[in-house]
């Protein structure tokens, strides 16, 4: 099933507010996975497979929810904001460090 159709069905089934709540929940789970990975890295070299698997799963979940909410808001509107953010990043990456 195409993603747009899948996202439309999810919104029709659960509603916009529920999907926004799910985005918040998935973002918090991603934050927890990142913090666990960082905490482990501070104490030991490398990381166990389950931590990297968890981080990967949470990244995927957040990515899907971001795409879904972008579709709800209008992908073109979000793309304009995304382009501006990428332009800011490019400027920061290219500017000389302050002395």
C-alpha atoms as a PDB file:
ATOM      1  CA  UNK A   1       0.000   0.000   0.000  1.00  0.00           C
ATOM      2  CA  UNK A   2       1.430   3.441  -0.859  1.00  0.00           C
ATOM      3  CA  UNK A   3       2.537   5.471   2.176  1.00  0.00           C
ATOM      4  CA  UNK A   4       0.112   8.334   1.545  1.00  0.00           C
ATOM      5  CA  UNK A   5      -2.805   5.910   1.482  1.00  0.00           C
ATOM      6  CA  UNK A   6      -1.567   4.175   4.632  1.00  0.00           C
ATOM      7  CA  UNK A   7      -1.170   7.515   6.444  1.00  0.00           C
ATOM      8  CA  UNK A   8      -4.651   8.634   5.348  1.00  0.00           C
ATOM      9  CA  UNK A   9      -6.135   5.397   6.690  1.00  0.00           C
ATOM     10  CA  UNK A  10      -4.305   5.798  10.003  1.00  0.00           C
ATOM     11  CA  UNK A  11      -5.605   9.354  10.419  1.00  0.00           C
ATOM     12  CA  UNK A  12      -9.128   8.285   9.444  1.00  0.00           C
ATOM     13  CA  UNK A  13      -8.988   5.455  11.984  1.00  0.00           C
ATOM     14  CA  UNK A  14      -7.404   7.242  14.949  1.00  0.00           C
ATOM     15  CA  UNK A  15      -7.753  10.980  14.215  1.00  0.00           C
ATOM     16  CA  UNK A  16      -5.278  13.845  13.988  1.00  0.00           C
ATOM     17  CA  UNK A  17      -4.996  14.443  17.748  1.00  0.00           C
ATOM     18  CA  UNK A  18      -4.202  10.799  18.378  1.00  0.00           C
ATOM     19  CA  UNK A  19      -1.509  10.800  15.687  1.00  0.00           C
ATOM     20  CA  UNK A  20       0.027  13.972  17.128  1.00  0.00           C
ATOM     21  CA  UNK A  21       0.079  12.298  20.548  1.00  0.00           C
ATOM     22  CA  UNK A  22       1.750   9.284  18.949  1.00  0.00           C
ATOM     23  CA  UNK A  23       4.428  11.537  17.433  1.00  0.00           C
ATOM     24  CA  UNK A  24       5.156  12.939  20.899  1.00  0.00           C
ATOM     25  CA  UNK A  25       5.307   9.427  22.368  1.00  0.00           C
ATOM     26  CA  UNK A  26       7.637   8.152  19.651  1.00  0.00           C
ATOM     27  CA  UNK A  27       9.908  11.193  20.045  1.00  0.00           C
ATOM     28  CA  UNK A  28      10.181  10.539  23.777  1.00  0.00           C
ATOM     29  CA  UNK A  29      11.063   6.892  23.122  1.00  0.00           C
ATOM     30  CA  UNK A  30      13.764   8.028  20.677  1.00  0.00           C
ATOM     31  CA  UNK A  31      15.161  10.406  23.295  1.00  0.00           C
ATOM     32  CA  UNK A  32      15.321   7.550  25.811  1.00  0.00           C
ATOM     33  CA  UNK A  33      17.093   5.277  23.310  1.00  0.00           C
ATOM     34  CA  UNK A  34      19.667   7.994  22.541  1.00  0.00           C
ATOM     35  CA  UNK A  35      20.289   8.658  26.230  1.00  0.00           C
ATOM     36  CA  UNK A  36      20.765   4.942  26.955  1.00  0.00           C
ATOM     37  CA  UNK A  37      23.219   4.687  24.079  1.00  0.00           C
ATOM     38  CA  UNK A  38      25.171   7.728  25.301  1.00  0.00           C
ATOM     39  CA  UNK A  39      25.194   6.488  28.904  1.00  0.00           C
ATOM     40  CA  UNK A  40      26.537   3.120  27.833  1.00  0.00           C
ATOM     41  CA  UNK A  41      29.179   4.741  25.583  1.00  0.00           C
ATOM     42  CA  UNK A  42      30.459   6.817  28.518  1.00  0.00           C
ATOM     43  CA  UNK A  43      31.212   3.720  30.572  1.00  0.00           C
ATOM     44  CA  UNK A  44      32.252   1.185  27.958  1.00  0.00           C
ATOM     45  CA  UNK A  45      33.600   1.162  24.448  1.00  0.00           C
ATOM     46  CA  UNK A  46      31.106   0.090  21.818  1.00  0.00           C
ATOM     47  CA  UNK A  47      27.514  -0.777  22.539  1.00  0.00           C
ATOM     48  CA  UNK A  48      25.480  -3.925  22.806  1.00  0.00           C
ATOM     49  CA  UNK A  49      23.431  -4.932  19.796  1.00  0.00           C
ATOM     50  CA  UNK A  50      20.103  -4.449  21.585  1.00  0.00           C
ATOM     51  CA  UNK A  51      20.848  -0.753  22.227  1.00  0.00           C
ATOM     52  CA  UNK A  52      21.640  -0.072  18.576  1.00  0.00           C
ATOM     53  CA  UNK A  53      18.599  -2.117  17.511  1.00  0.00           C
ATOM     54  CA  UNK A  54      16.408  -0.089  19.872  1.00  0.00           C
ATOM     55  CA  UNK A  55      17.792   3.185  18.540  1.00  0.00           C
ATOM     56  CA  UNK A  56      17.211   2.031  14.963  1.00  0.00           C
ATOM     57  CA  UNK A  57      13.607   1.010  15.733  1.00  0.00           C
ATOM     58  CA  UNK A  58      12.851   4.329  17.427  1.00  0.00           C
ATOM     59  CA  UNK A  59      14.383   6.281  14.528  1.00  0.00           C
ATOM     60  CA  UNK A  60      12.137   4.357  12.147  1.00  0.00           C
ATOM     61  CA  UNK A  61       9.040   4.970  14.286  1.00  0.00           C
ATOM     62  CA  UNK A  62       9.735   8.703  14.556  1.00  0.00           C
ATOM     63  CA  UNK A  63      10.465   8.932  10.844  1.00  0.00           C
ATOM     64  CA  UNK A  64       7.120   7.317  10.022  1.00  0.00           C
ATOM     65  CA  UNK A  65       5.228   9.595  12.407  1.00  0.00           C
ATOM     66  CA  UNK A  66       7.014  12.683  11.040  1.00  0.00           C
ATOM     67  CA  UNK A  67       6.055  11.681   7.497  1.00  0.00           C
ATOM     68  CA  UNK A  68       2.492  11.073   8.635  1.00  0.00           C
ATOM     69  CA  UNK A  69       2.165  14.448  10.372  1.00  0.00           C
ATOM     70  CA  UNK A  70       3.852  16.125   7.389  1.00  0.00           C
ATOM     71  CA  UNK A  71       1.173  14.616   5.187  1.00  0.00           C
ATOM     72  CA  UNK A  72      -1.530  15.889   7.540  1.00  0.00           C
ATOM     73  CA  UNK A  73      -0.048  19.413   7.502  1.00  0.00           C
ATOM     74  CA  UNK A  74       0.666  19.407   3.800  1.00  0.00           C
ATOM     75  CA  UNK A  75       3.932  18.072   2.488  1.00  0.00           C
ATOM     76  CA  UNK A  76       4.616  21.207   0.422  1.00  0.00           C
ATOM     77  CA  UNK A  77       4.379  23.452   3.498  1.00  0.00           C
ATOM     78  CA  UNK A  78       6.689  21.192   5.464  1.00  0.00           C
ATOM     79  CA  UNK A  79       9.147  21.020   2.555  1.00  0.00           C
ATOM     80  CA  UNK A  80       9.466  24.830   2.569  1.00  0.00           C
ATOM     81  CA  UNK A  81      10.337  24.723   6.282  1.00  0.00           C
ATOM     82  CA  UNK A  82      12.697  21.797   5.705  1.00  0.00           C
ATOM     83  CA  UNK A  83      14.530  23.677   2.961  1.00  0.00           C
ATOM     84  CA  UNK A  84      14.969  26.703   5.237  1.00  0.00           C
ATOM     85  CA  UNK A  85      16.347  24.475   7.996  1.00  0.00           C
ATOM     86  CA  UNK A  86      18.773  22.838   5.557  1.00  0.00           C
ATOM     87  CA  UNK A  87      19.904  26.284   4.367  1.00  0.00           C
ATOM     88  CA  UNK A  88      20.574  27.301   8.002  1.00  0.00           C
ATOM     89  CA  UNK A  89      22.531  24.092   8.561  1.00  0.00           C
ATOM     90  CA  UNK A  90      24.593  24.695   5.450  1.00  0.00           C
ATOM     91  CA  UNK A  91      25.447  28.230   6.607  1.00  0.00           C
ATOM     92  CA  UNK A  92      26.484  26.963  10.056  1.00  0.00           C
ATOM     93  CA  UNK A  93      28.609  24.177   8.590  1.00  0.00           C
ATOM     94  CA  UNK A  94      30.355  26.550   6.185  1.00  0.00           C
ATOM     95  CA  UNK A  95      31.009  29.490   8.526  1.00  0.00           C
ATOM     96  CA  UNK A  96      34.431  29.908  10.052  1.00  0.00           C
ATOM     97  CA  UNK A  97      34.752  29.113  13.743  1.00  0.00           C
ATOM     98  CA  UNK A  98      34.928  32.133  16.045  1.00  0.00           C
ATOM     99  CA  UNK A  99      38.343  32.772  17.590  1.00  0.00           C
END
